[in-house]
Amino acid sequence: MSDPSITDWISAVTGVVGTAGLFVGFFFAWKQLAAWKHEARETKRAFIAEDLIVAANNCSDSLKTLRSPIDTVPIEKIHDKNFALQRRFDRVVAQNDLFRTLRQTQIKASFVLQNSIVEKAVDELFKVRNKVLSGIELLADYTDATGLSQSEKDLIRDTRRDVFGSYGQIDALGQMQLNAVQVIQEQLGPLARFDPPQS
């Protein structure tokens, strides 16, 4: 038996270093893959957050226009008590695509972002829209205001406030809408901007 030569030692050390290098390479490749996955996940979250902010603001702007107390009636329709309400109803229906986009984005966000505060705020926007629609229908049923009880008169007054919003302090429905959009922006703005979380 002969003593190992220096070349045998170099060969053994080279094999160990090569194997260690291989493991180090695999480790760094795995870390880089994990970083890419994390970056892709955060990018997807940011895009969905941005889409939801845009969709919520578009729907809010649409509701502001639909609820505006200022409207015009053509002279030939001045005696048609339902004309203004029917036109307002048609305008609400014409905005269905905006609200469809909001619902689709909300569904994506519920799976990807999993933020119950945002989901509740988006639901508030749909409640505002539904309340305006049902209010228009109710006002159309009461175009002849003769012989109404006091409770019916109060109902009509409150419904008019819902349908024709001022967005002032007494406009509860308008304040609910504005608050919902603000919550969505506050909750998702940092995510859409890739801001680091506040600790």
N, C-alpha and C. Protein backbone atom coordinates (compact mmCIF):
# COMPACT_ATOMS: atom_id res chain seq x y z
N MET A 1 0.82 -1.16 0.00
CA MET A 1 0.00 0.00 0.00
C MET A 1 0.88 1.23 0.00
N SER A 2 0.57 2.12 -0.92
CA SER A 2 1.41 3.31 -1.01
C SER A 2 0.67 4.51 -0.47
N ASP A 3 1.42 5.47 -0.04
CA ASP A 3 0.83 6.71 0.46
C ASP A 3 0.21 7.47 -0.70
N PRO A 4 -0.90 8.13 -0.41
CA PRO A 4 -1.53 8.90 -1.50
C PRO A 4 -0.61 10.03 -1.93
N SER A 5 -0.56 10.20 -3.20
CA SER A 5 0.27 11.27 -3.74
C SER A 5 -0.50 12.59 -3.73
N ILE A 6 0.24 13.63 -4.00
CA ILE A 6 -0.36 14.97 -4.03
C ILE A 6 -1.42 15.07 -5.10
N THR A 7 -1.22 14.38 -6.20
CA THR A 7 -2.23 14.41 -7.27
C THR A 7 -3.51 13.72 -6.82
N ASP A 8 -3.40 12.67 -6.02
CA ASP A 8 -4.60 12.01 -5.49
C ASP A 8 -5.36 12.96 -4.57
N TRP A 9 -4.61 13.71 -3.74
CA TRP A 9 -5.23 14.68 -2.83
C TRP A 9 -5.92 15.80 -3.63
N ILE A 10 -5.27 16.29 -4.62
CA ILE A 10 -5.85 17.36 -5.44
C ILE A 10 -7.10 16.85 -6.15
N SER A 11 -7.03 15.63 -6.62
CA SER A 11 -8.18 15.04 -7.30
C SER A 11 -9.36 14.89 -6.35
N ALA A 12 -9.10 14.45 -5.11
CA ALA A 12 -10.16 14.28 -4.12
C ALA A 12 -10.76 15.62 -3.73
N VAL A 13 -9.90 16.62 -3.47
CA VAL A 13 -10.37 17.95 -3.08
C VAL A 13 -11.17 18.56 -4.23
N THR A 14 -10.73 18.39 -5.44
CA THR A 14 -11.44 18.91 -6.61
C THR A 14 -12.83 18.29 -6.70
N GLY A 15 -12.94 17.02 -6.44
CA GLY A 15 -14.24 16.35 -6.47
C GLY A 15 -15.18 16.89 -5.41
N VAL A 16 -14.66 17.10 -4.19
CA VAL A 16 -15.47 17.63 -3.09
C VAL A 16 -15.90 19.06 -3.41
N VAL A 17 -14.96 19.88 -3.88
CA VAL A 17 -15.27 21.28 -4.21
C VAL A 17 -16.30 21.32 -5.36
N GLY A 18 -16.13 20.46 -6.33
CA GLY A 18 -17.08 20.41 -7.45
C GLY A 18 -18.48 20.05 -6.99
N THR A 19 -18.56 19.05 -6.10
CA THR A 19 -19.87 18.65 -5.57
C THR A 19 -20.48 19.78 -4.73
N ALA A 20 -19.65 20.41 -3.89
CA ALA A 20 -20.14 21.53 -3.08
C ALA A 20 -20.60 22.68 -3.98
N GLY A 21 -19.85 22.95 -5.01
CA GLY A 21 -20.22 24.01 -5.96
C GLY A 21 -21.55 23.72 -6.63
N LEU A 22 -21.77 22.45 -6.93
CA LEU A 22 -23.03 22.05 -7.54
C LEU A 22 -24.19 22.31 -6.59
N PHE A 23 -24.02 21.94 -5.31
CA PHE A 23 -25.06 22.18 -4.32
C PHE A 23 -25.30 23.68 -4.10
N VAL A 24 -24.23 24.45 -4.06
CA VAL A 24 -24.37 25.90 -3.91
C VAL A 24 -25.10 26.48 -5.12
N GLY A 25 -24.80 26.02 -6.31
CA GLY A 25 -25.48 26.47 -7.52
C GLY A 25 -26.97 26.16 -7.48
N PHE A 26 -27.29 24.92 -7.05
CA PHE A 26 -28.70 24.54 -6.92
C PHE A 26 -29.40 25.42 -5.90
N PHE A 27 -28.74 25.68 -4.78
CA PHE A 27 -29.33 26.51 -3.72
C PHE A 27 -29.64 27.90 -4.25
N PHE A 28 -28.70 28.55 -4.93
CA PHE A 28 -28.92 29.89 -5.44
C PHE A 28 -29.97 29.90 -6.56
N ALA A 29 -29.99 28.87 -7.36
CA ALA A 29 -31.01 28.78 -8.42
C ALA A 29 -32.40 28.65 -7.79
N TRP A 30 -32.51 27.84 -6.73
CA TRP A 30 -33.79 27.68 -6.03
C TRP A 30 -34.22 29.00 -5.41
N LYS A 31 -33.28 29.73 -4.78
CA LYS A 31 -33.59 31.04 -4.18
C LYS A 31 -34.05 32.03 -5.25
N GLN A 32 -33.38 32.02 -6.40
CA GLN A 32 -33.75 32.94 -7.48
C GLN A 32 -35.14 32.60 -8.02
N LEU A 33 -35.43 31.31 -8.15
CA LEU A 33 -36.75 30.89 -8.62
C LEU A 33 -37.83 31.34 -7.63
N ALA A 34 -37.57 31.20 -6.35
CA ALA A 34 -38.52 31.65 -5.32
C ALA A 34 -38.71 33.16 -5.40
N ALA A 35 -37.64 33.89 -5.63
CA ALA A 35 -37.73 35.36 -5.75
C ALA A 35 -38.56 35.74 -6.98
N TRP A 36 -38.37 35.05 -8.08
CA TRP A 36 -39.15 35.33 -9.30
C TRP A 36 -40.63 35.04 -9.07
N LYS A 37 -40.90 33.92 -8.39
CA LYS A 37 -42.30 33.58 -8.10
C LYS A 37 -42.94 34.66 -7.22
N HIS A 38 -42.21 35.10 -6.22
CA HIS A 38 -42.72 36.15 -5.33
C HIS A 38 -42.96 37.44 -6.10
N GLU A 39 -42.03 37.80 -6.96
CA GLU A 39 -42.17 39.02 -7.75
C GLU A 39 -43.37 38.91 -8.70
N ALA A 40 -43.56 37.76 -9.32
CA ALA A 40 -44.70 37.56 -10.21
C ALA A 40 -46.01 37.65 -9.45
N ARG A 41 -46.05 37.06 -8.24
CA ARG A 41 -47.24 37.10 -7.40
C ARG A 41 -47.57 38.54 -7.00
N GLU A 42 -46.56 39.30 -6.59
CA GLU A 42 -46.76 40.69 -6.18
C GLU A 42 -47.17 41.56 -7.36
N THR A 43 -46.62 41.29 -8.53
CA THR A 43 -47.01 42.03 -9.73
C THR A 43 -48.46 41.77 -10.07
N LYS A 44 -48.87 40.52 -9.98
CA LYS A 44 -50.27 40.18 -10.25
C LYS A 44 -51.19 40.87 -9.25
N ARG A 45 -50.81 40.85 -7.98
CA ARG A 45 -51.61 41.51 -6.94
C ARG A 45 -51.70 43.01 -7.22
N ALA A 46 -50.61 43.61 -7.65
CA ALA A 46 -50.60 45.05 -7.93
C ALA A 46 -51.52 45.38 -9.10
N PHE A 47 -51.48 44.56 -10.15
CA PHE A 47 -52.34 44.81 -11.32
C PHE A 47 -53.82 44.67 -10.94
N ILE A 48 -54.15 43.67 -10.15
CA ILE A 48 -55.55 43.49 -9.76
C ILE A 48 -55.99 44.64 -8.84
N ALA A 49 -55.12 45.06 -7.95
CA ALA A 49 -55.44 46.20 -7.08
C ALA A 49 -55.69 47.45 -7.91
N GLU A 50 -54.82 47.68 -8.88
CA GLU A 50 -54.98 48.85 -9.75
C GLU A 50 -56.28 48.76 -10.55
N ASP A 51 -56.57 47.59 -11.09
CA ASP A 51 -57.81 47.40 -11.86
C ASP A 51 -59.04 47.65 -10.99
N LEU A 52 -59.00 47.21 -9.74
CA LEU A 52 -60.14 47.39 -8.86
C LEU A 52 -60.31 48.87 -8.48
N ILE A 53 -59.22 49.57 -8.26
CA ILE A 53 -59.30 51.00 -7.97
C ILE A 53 -59.91 51.74 -9.16
N VAL A 54 -59.46 51.42 -10.36
CA VAL A 54 -59.98 52.08 -11.57
C VAL A 54 -61.46 51.76 -11.75
N ALA A 55 -61.84 50.49 -11.61
CA ALA A 55 -63.24 50.09 -11.80
C ALA A 55 -64.15 50.76 -10.76
N ALA A 56 -63.69 50.82 -9.52
CA ALA A 56 -64.50 51.46 -8.46
C ALA A 56 -64.68 52.95 -8.74
N ASN A 57 -63.62 53.62 -9.16
CA ASN A 57 -63.73 55.04 -9.47
C ASN A 57 -64.61 55.29 -10.69
N ASN A 58 -64.53 54.44 -11.70
CA ASN A 58 -65.40 54.58 -12.87
C ASN A 58 -66.87 54.44 -12.48
N CYS A 59 -67.16 53.45 -11.63
CA CYS A 59 -68.54 53.25 -11.19
C CYS A 59 -69.01 54.41 -10.32
N SER A 60 -68.15 54.90 -9.47
CA SER A 60 -68.52 56.04 -8.63
C SER A 60 -68.80 57.27 -9.47
N ASP A 61 -67.95 57.53 -10.46
CA ASP A 61 -68.19 58.67 -11.36
C ASP A 61 -69.51 58.50 -12.10
N SER A 62 -69.79 57.29 -12.51
CA SER A 62 -71.05 57.01 -13.20
C SER A 62 -72.24 57.29 -12.27
N LEU A 63 -72.13 56.84 -11.02
CA LEU A 63 -73.21 57.08 -10.06
C LEU A 63 -73.40 58.57 -9.78
N LYS A 64 -72.31 59.31 -9.73
CA LYS A 64 -72.42 60.76 -9.51
C LYS A 64 -73.21 61.40 -10.64
N THR A 65 -72.93 60.99 -11.86
CA THR A 65 -73.65 61.53 -13.02
C THR A 65 -75.11 61.11 -12.98
N LEU A 66 -75.35 59.83 -12.67
CA LEU A 66 -76.72 59.31 -12.65
C LEU A 66 -77.57 59.95 -11.55
N ARG A 67 -76.95 60.26 -10.43
CA ARG A 67 -77.70 60.80 -9.29
C ARG A 67 -77.78 62.32 -9.30
N SER A 68 -77.19 62.95 -10.28
CA SER A 68 -77.19 64.41 -10.33
C SER A 68 -78.61 64.95 -10.29
N PRO A 69 -78.86 65.92 -9.43
CA PRO A 69 -80.22 66.49 -9.36
C PRO A 69 -80.54 67.39 -10.56
N ILE A 70 -79.54 67.72 -11.34
CA ILE A 70 -79.74 68.60 -12.49
C ILE A 70 -80.01 67.75 -13.73
N ASP A 71 -81.10 68.02 -14.38
CA ASP A 71 -81.47 67.29 -15.58
C ASP A 71 -82.32 68.19 -16.46
N THR A 72 -82.38 67.88 -17.73
CA THR A 72 -83.21 68.65 -18.65
C THR A 72 -84.28 67.75 -19.23
N VAL A 73 -85.40 68.39 -19.55
CA VAL A 73 -86.52 67.67 -20.17
C VAL A 73 -86.90 68.44 -21.43
N PRO A 74 -86.96 67.74 -22.56
CA PRO A 74 -87.37 68.43 -23.79
C PRO A 74 -88.79 69.00 -23.65
N ILE A 75 -89.05 70.08 -24.33
CA ILE A 75 -90.34 70.77 -24.22
C ILE A 75 -91.50 69.83 -24.55
N GLU A 76 -91.34 68.99 -25.55
CA GLU A 76 -92.45 68.10 -25.93
C GLU A 76 -92.73 67.03 -24.87
N LYS A 77 -91.81 66.85 -23.91
CA LYS A 77 -91.99 65.83 -22.86
C LYS A 77 -92.30 66.46 -21.50
N ILE A 78 -92.56 67.75 -21.47
CA ILE A 78 -92.74 68.45 -20.20
C ILE A 78 -93.91 67.92 -19.38
N HIS A 79 -94.92 67.39 -20.04
CA HIS A 79 -96.10 66.90 -19.32
C HIS A 79 -96.02 65.39 -19.05
N ASP A 80 -94.98 64.75 -19.53
CA ASP A 80 -94.78 63.32 -19.27
C ASP A 80 -94.05 63.17 -17.94
N LYS A 81 -94.80 62.83 -16.90
CA LYS A 81 -94.23 62.78 -15.55
C LYS A 81 -93.18 61.68 -15.39
N ASN A 82 -93.25 60.68 -16.23
CA ASN A 82 -92.30 59.56 -16.11
C ASN A 82 -91.08 59.72 -17.02
N PHE A 83 -91.05 60.72 -17.87
CA PHE A 83 -89.96 60.85 -18.83
C PHE A 83 -88.59 60.93 -18.14
N ALA A 84 -88.47 61.84 -17.18
CA ALA A 84 -87.17 62.03 -16.51
C ALA A 84 -86.74 60.77 -15.77
N LEU A 85 -87.69 60.10 -15.15
CA LEU A 85 -87.36 58.87 -14.42
C LEU A 85 -86.97 57.75 -15.40
N GLN A 86 -87.71 57.64 -16.51
CA GLN A 86 -87.39 56.61 -17.49
C GLN A 86 -86.01 56.85 -18.10
N ARG A 87 -85.71 58.10 -18.40
CA ARG A 87 -84.39 58.41 -18.96
C ARG A 87 -83.29 58.11 -17.94
N ARG A 88 -83.52 58.44 -16.69
CA ARG A 88 -82.54 58.15 -15.64
C ARG A 88 -82.35 56.63 -15.51
N PHE A 89 -83.46 55.89 -15.56
CA PHE A 89 -83.38 54.43 -15.49
C PHE A 89 -82.57 53.89 -16.67
N ASP A 90 -82.83 54.42 -17.86
CA ASP A 90 -82.09 53.98 -19.05
C ASP A 90 -80.60 54.27 -18.91
N ARG A 91 -80.27 55.38 -18.29
CA ARG A 91 -78.86 55.72 -18.08
C ARG A 91 -78.19 54.75 -17.11
N VAL A 92 -78.94 54.35 -16.09
CA VAL A 92 -78.38 53.37 -15.14
C VAL A 92 -78.10 52.05 -15.87
N VAL A 93 -79.06 51.61 -16.66
CA VAL A 93 -78.92 50.36 -17.39
C VAL A 93 -77.77 50.45 -18.40
N ALA A 94 -77.59 51.64 -18.99
CA ALA A 94 -76.52 51.82 -19.98
C ALA A 94 -75.13 51.68 -19.34
N GLN A 95 -75.06 51.81 -18.04
CA GLN A 95 -73.78 51.68 -17.34
C GLN A 95 -73.52 50.26 -16.81
N ASN A 96 -74.31 49.31 -17.27
CA ASN A 96 -74.15 47.92 -16.80
C ASN A 96 -72.74 47.39 -17.01
N ASP A 97 -72.11 47.74 -18.12
CA ASP A 97 -70.77 47.22 -18.39
C ASP A 97 -69.75 47.66 -17.34
N LEU A 98 -69.88 48.90 -16.87
CA LEU A 98 -68.96 49.37 -15.81
C LEU A 98 -69.12 48.52 -14.56
N PHE A 99 -70.34 48.24 -14.19
CA PHE A 99 -70.58 47.47 -12.97
C PHE A 99 -70.26 45.99 -13.18
N ARG A 100 -70.40 45.51 -14.40
CA ARG A 100 -69.99 44.13 -14.70
C ARG A 100 -68.47 44.00 -14.54
N THR A 101 -67.74 44.99 -15.05
CA THR A 101 -66.28 45.00 -14.90
C THR A 101 -65.90 45.06 -13.43
N LEU A 102 -66.60 45.89 -12.67
CA LEU A 102 -66.32 45.98 -11.23
C LEU A 102 -66.55 44.63 -10.55
N ARG A 103 -67.64 43.94 -10.89
CA ARG A 103 -67.93 42.64 -10.27
C ARG A 103 -66.86 41.61 -10.65
N GLN A 104 -66.46 41.58 -11.91
CA GLN A 104 -65.44 40.62 -12.34
C GLN A 104 -64.11 40.89 -11.63
N THR A 105 -63.76 42.15 -11.51
CA THR A 105 -62.51 42.50 -10.82
C THR A 105 -62.61 42.18 -9.34
N GLN A 106 -63.79 42.39 -8.76
CA GLN A 106 -63.98 42.05 -7.36
C GLN A 106 -63.79 40.55 -7.13
N ILE A 107 -64.28 39.73 -8.04
CA ILE A 107 -64.13 38.28 -7.89
C ILE A 107 -62.65 37.89 -7.95
N LYS A 108 -61.92 38.47 -8.92
CA LYS A 108 -60.48 38.19 -8.99
C LYS A 108 -59.80 38.62 -7.71
N ALA A 109 -60.14 39.81 -7.24
CA ALA A 109 -59.50 40.35 -6.04
C ALA A 109 -59.81 39.49 -4.81
N SER A 110 -61.01 38.93 -4.76
CA SER A 110 -61.36 38.13 -3.59
C SER A 110 -60.47 36.89 -3.47
N PHE A 111 -60.03 36.36 -4.61
CA PHE A 111 -59.16 35.18 -4.58
C PHE A 111 -57.69 35.56 -4.42
N VAL A 112 -57.28 36.64 -5.06
CA VAL A 112 -55.86 36.99 -5.07
C VAL A 112 -55.48 37.87 -3.89
N LEU A 113 -56.30 38.88 -3.60
CA LEU A 113 -55.96 39.83 -2.54
C LEU A 113 -56.50 39.42 -1.18
N GLN A 114 -57.65 38.77 -1.17
CA GLN A 114 -58.28 38.29 0.06
C GLN A 114 -58.36 39.38 1.12
N ASN A 115 -59.01 40.50 0.75
CA ASN A 115 -59.15 41.64 1.64
C ASN A 115 -60.65 41.87 1.87
N SER A 116 -61.15 41.45 3.03
CA SER A 116 -62.59 41.55 3.30
C SER A 116 -63.06 42.99 3.41
N ILE A 117 -62.19 43.90 3.80
CA ILE A 117 -62.56 45.32 3.90
C ILE A 117 -62.85 45.86 2.51
N VAL A 118 -62.01 45.51 1.55
CA VAL A 118 -62.21 45.95 0.16
C VAL A 118 -63.47 45.32 -0.41
N GLU A 119 -63.68 44.04 -0.17
CA GLU A 119 -64.88 43.38 -0.69
C GLU A 119 -66.15 44.05 -0.17
N LYS A 120 -66.15 44.42 1.10
CA LYS A 120 -67.31 45.10 1.69
C LYS A 120 -67.50 46.46 1.03
N ALA A 121 -66.42 47.18 0.78
CA ALA A 121 -66.52 48.50 0.16
C ALA A 121 -67.08 48.40 -1.26
N VAL A 122 -66.64 47.39 -2.01
CA VAL A 122 -67.17 47.19 -3.36
C VAL A 122 -68.65 46.85 -3.30
N ASP A 123 -69.03 46.03 -2.34
CA ASP A 123 -70.45 45.70 -2.17
C ASP A 123 -71.28 46.96 -1.89
N GLU A 124 -70.69 47.91 -1.17
CA GLU A 124 -71.40 49.17 -0.89
C GLU A 124 -71.72 49.91 -2.19
N LEU A 125 -70.82 49.89 -3.15
CA LEU A 125 -71.09 50.54 -4.43
C LEU A 125 -72.26 49.88 -5.15
N PHE A 126 -72.33 48.56 -5.07
CA PHE A 126 -73.46 47.86 -5.69
C PHE A 126 -74.76 48.17 -4.95
N LYS A 127 -74.68 48.33 -3.64
CA LYS A 127 -75.88 48.69 -2.87
C LYS A 127 -76.39 50.07 -3.28
N VAL A 128 -75.48 51.00 -3.50
CA VAL A 128 -75.88 52.34 -3.93
C VAL A 128 -76.60 52.24 -5.27
N ARG A 129 -76.00 51.52 -6.20
CA ARG A 129 -76.62 51.38 -7.53
C ARG A 129 -78.00 50.75 -7.42
N ASN A 130 -78.12 49.69 -6.63
CA ASN A 130 -79.41 49.01 -6.49
C ASN A 130 -80.45 49.92 -5.83
N LYS A 131 -80.00 50.72 -4.88
CA LYS A 131 -80.93 51.63 -4.21
C LYS A 131 -81.42 52.70 -5.17
N VAL A 132 -80.55 53.19 -6.05
CA VAL A 132 -80.96 54.17 -7.06
C VAL A 132 -81.97 53.54 -8.02
N LEU A 133 -81.69 52.33 -8.47
CA LEU A 133 -82.61 51.65 -9.39
C LEU A 133 -83.97 51.42 -8.75
N SER A 134 -83.98 50.90 -7.54
CA SER A 134 -85.27 50.65 -6.88
C SER A 134 -85.98 51.96 -6.56
N GLY A 135 -85.20 53.01 -6.27
CA GLY A 135 -85.80 54.32 -6.01
C GLY A 135 -86.48 54.88 -7.25
N ILE A 136 -85.85 54.73 -8.40
CA ILE A 136 -86.46 55.20 -9.65
C ILE A 136 -87.78 54.47 -9.90
N GLU A 137 -87.77 53.18 -9.69
CA GLU A 137 -89.00 52.41 -9.89
C GLU A 137 -90.09 52.84 -8.92
N LEU A 138 -89.73 53.08 -7.67
CA LEU A 138 -90.72 53.50 -6.68
C LEU A 138 -91.28 54.88 -7.03
N LEU A 139 -90.41 55.81 -7.42
CA LEU A 139 -90.89 57.15 -7.79
C LEU A 139 -91.80 57.08 -9.02
N ALA A 140 -91.51 56.19 -9.94
CA ALA A 140 -92.37 56.02 -11.12
C ALA A 140 -93.75 55.52 -10.72
N ASP A 141 -93.81 54.72 -9.67
CA ASP A 141 -95.11 54.23 -9.19
C ASP A 141 -95.92 55.33 -8.51
N TYR A 142 -95.24 56.36 -8.02
CA TYR A 142 -95.91 57.44 -7.28
C TYR A 142 -95.89 58.76 -8.06
N THR A 143 -96.03 58.71 -9.38
CA THR A 143 -96.03 59.97 -10.14
C THR A 143 -97.27 60.81 -9.83
N ASP A 144 -98.36 60.17 -9.46
CA ASP A 144 -99.55 60.91 -9.03
C ASP A 144 -99.51 60.96 -7.50
N ALA A 145 -99.16 62.12 -6.96
CA ALA A 145 -98.93 62.25 -5.51
C ALA A 145 -100.17 62.69 -4.76
N THR A 146 -101.34 62.57 -5.35
CA THR A 146 -102.56 63.00 -4.64
C THR A 146 -103.05 61.88 -3.74
N GLY A 147 -103.56 62.27 -2.58
CA GLY A 147 -104.16 61.33 -1.65
C GLY A 147 -103.18 60.41 -0.96
N LEU A 148 -101.94 60.83 -0.78
CA LEU A 148 -100.94 59.99 -0.13
C LEU A 148 -100.94 60.21 1.38
N SER A 149 -100.66 59.15 2.10
CA SER A 149 -100.52 59.28 3.55
C SER A 149 -99.19 59.96 3.88
N GLN A 150 -99.05 60.36 5.13
CA GLN A 150 -97.80 61.02 5.53
C GLN A 150 -96.60 60.08 5.40
N SER A 151 -96.79 58.79 5.71
CA SER A 151 -95.68 57.84 5.60
C SER A 151 -95.27 57.66 4.14
N GLU A 152 -96.25 57.68 3.22
CA GLU A 152 -95.92 57.58 1.80
C GLU A 152 -95.18 58.83 1.33
N LYS A 153 -95.61 59.99 1.81
CA LYS A 153 -94.91 61.23 1.46
C LYS A 153 -93.47 61.22 1.98
N ASP A 154 -93.29 60.71 3.19
CA ASP A 154 -91.93 60.60 3.75
C ASP A 154 -91.08 59.64 2.94
N LEU A 155 -91.69 58.55 2.53
CA LEU A 155 -90.98 57.56 1.71
C LEU A 155 -90.55 58.18 0.38
N ILE A 156 -91.43 58.93 -0.25
CA ILE A 156 -91.10 59.58 -1.52
C ILE A 156 -89.98 60.60 -1.31
N ARG A 157 -90.05 61.38 -0.24
CA ARG A 157 -89.00 62.37 0.04
C ARG A 157 -87.65 61.68 0.22
N ASP A 158 -87.62 60.62 1.02
CA ASP A 158 -86.36 59.91 1.26
C ASP A 158 -85.84 59.24 -0.02
N THR A 159 -86.75 58.71 -0.81
CA THR A 159 -86.36 58.06 -2.06
C THR A 159 -85.80 59.08 -3.04
N ARG A 160 -86.41 60.27 -3.08
CA ARG A 160 -85.88 61.34 -3.95
C ARG A 160 -84.45 61.69 -3.54
N ARG A 161 -84.17 61.69 -2.27
CA ARG A 161 -82.80 61.97 -1.80
C ARG A 161 -81.83 60.90 -2.28
N ASP A 162 -82.31 59.67 -2.36
CA ASP A 162 -81.45 58.58 -2.85
C ASP A 162 -81.22 58.69 -4.35
N VAL A 163 -82.27 59.00 -5.09
CA VAL A 163 -82.17 59.03 -6.54
C VAL A 163 -81.45 60.29 -7.02
N PHE A 164 -81.76 61.43 -6.38
CA PHE A 164 -81.17 62.71 -6.79
C PHE A 164 -80.20 63.16 -5.70
N GLY A 165 -78.98 62.68 -5.77
CA GLY A 165 -78.02 62.92 -4.69
C GLY A 165 -77.28 64.24 -4.80
N SER A 166 -77.04 64.82 -3.64
CA SER A 166 -76.28 66.08 -3.57
C SER A 166 -74.83 65.84 -3.16
N TYR A 167 -74.57 64.68 -2.57
CA TYR A 167 -73.26 64.31 -2.04
C TYR A 167 -72.82 65.23 -0.90
N GLY A 168 -73.78 65.91 -0.30
CA GLY A 168 -73.51 66.70 0.90
C GLY A 168 -73.65 65.82 2.13
N GLN A 169 -73.57 66.44 3.29
CA GLN A 169 -73.64 65.68 4.54
C GLN A 169 -74.98 64.99 4.77
N ILE A 170 -76.07 65.57 4.20
CA ILE A 170 -77.38 64.94 4.42
C ILE A 170 -77.65 63.83 3.41
N ASP A 171 -76.78 63.65 2.45
CA ASP A 171 -76.95 62.59 1.44
C ASP A 171 -76.24 61.33 1.94
N ALA A 172 -76.96 60.53 2.73
CA ALA A 172 -76.35 59.33 3.33
C ALA A 172 -75.87 58.34 2.27
N LEU A 173 -76.65 58.18 1.23
CA LEU A 173 -76.27 57.23 0.17
C LEU A 173 -75.02 57.71 -0.56
N GLY A 174 -74.95 59.00 -0.83
CA GLY A 174 -73.77 59.55 -1.49
C GLY A 174 -72.54 59.45 -0.61
N GLN A 175 -72.70 59.67 0.69
CA GLN A 175 -71.57 59.55 1.61
C GLN A 175 -71.10 58.10 1.70
N MET A 176 -72.05 57.16 1.66
CA MET A 176 -71.69 55.74 1.66
C MET A 176 -70.85 55.41 0.42
N GLN A 177 -71.26 55.94 -0.72
CA GLN A 177 -70.53 55.72 -1.98
C GLN A 177 -69.12 56.31 -1.92
N LEU A 178 -69.01 57.56 -1.50
CA LEU A 178 -67.71 58.22 -1.44
C LEU A 178 -66.79 57.52 -0.44
N ASN A 179 -67.34 57.09 0.68
CA ASN A 179 -66.55 56.37 1.69
C ASN A 179 -66.05 55.04 1.14
N ALA A 180 -66.89 54.34 0.38
CA ALA A 180 -66.49 53.05 -0.19
C ALA A 180 -65.29 53.22 -1.12
N VAL A 181 -65.33 54.24 -1.97
CA VAL A 181 -64.22 54.48 -2.89
C VAL A 181 -62.96 54.86 -2.12
N GLN A 182 -63.11 55.67 -1.09
CA GLN A 182 -61.95 56.06 -0.28
C GLN A 182 -61.32 54.85 0.39
N VAL A 183 -62.14 53.96 0.93
CA VAL A 183 -61.62 52.74 1.57
C VAL A 183 -60.86 51.89 0.56
N ILE A 184 -61.40 51.73 -0.63
CA ILE A 184 -60.75 50.93 -1.67
C ILE A 184 -59.39 51.54 -2.02
N GLN A 185 -59.35 52.85 -2.17
CA GLN A 185 -58.09 53.51 -2.52
C GLN A 185 -57.08 53.41 -1.39
N GLU A 186 -57.52 53.57 -0.16
CA GLU A 186 -56.59 53.49 0.98
C GLU A 186 -56.06 52.07 1.16
N GLN A 187 -56.92 51.08 0.97
CA GLN A 187 -56.52 49.69 1.17
C GLN A 187 -55.62 49.18 0.04
N LEU A 188 -55.93 49.58 -1.19
CA LEU A 188 -55.23 49.00 -2.34
C LEU A 188 -54.19 49.91 -2.97
N GLY A 189 -54.21 51.19 -2.65
CA GLY A 189 -53.26 52.13 -3.23
C GLY A 189 -51.81 51.72 -3.02
N PRO A 190 -51.40 51.42 -1.77
CA PRO A 190 -50.01 51.01 -1.55
C PRO A 190 -49.64 49.74 -2.33
N LEU A 191 -50.57 48.81 -2.43
CA LEU A 191 -50.30 47.57 -3.17
C LEU A 191 -50.14 47.87 -4.66
N ALA A 192 -51.00 48.74 -5.21
CA ALA A 192 -50.91 49.08 -6.62
C ALA A 192 -49.62 49.86 -6.94
N ARG A 193 -49.12 50.60 -5.96
CA ARG A 193 -47.89 51.38 -6.16
C ARG A 193 -46.64 50.59 -5.78
N PHE A 194 -46.79 49.37 -5.32
CA PHE A 194 -45.68 48.54 -4.84
C PHE A 194 -45.02 49.17 -3.61
N ASP A 195 -45.79 49.93 -2.82
CA ASP A 195 -45.24 50.49 -1.59
C ASP A 195 -45.01 49.36 -0.59
N PRO A 196 -43.90 49.42 0.14
CA PRO A 196 -43.69 48.39 1.17
C PRO A 196 -44.69 48.56 2.29
N PRO A 197 -45.09 47.47 2.94
CA PRO A 197 -46.06 47.58 4.03
C PRO A 197 -45.50 48.41 5.19
N GLN A 198 -46.41 49.18 5.82
CA GLN A 198 -46.01 49.99 6.98
C GLN A 198 -45.94 49.08 8.20
N SER A 199 -44.84 49.23 8.97
CA SER A 199 -44.73 48.39 10.16
C SER A 199 -44.99 49.18 11.40
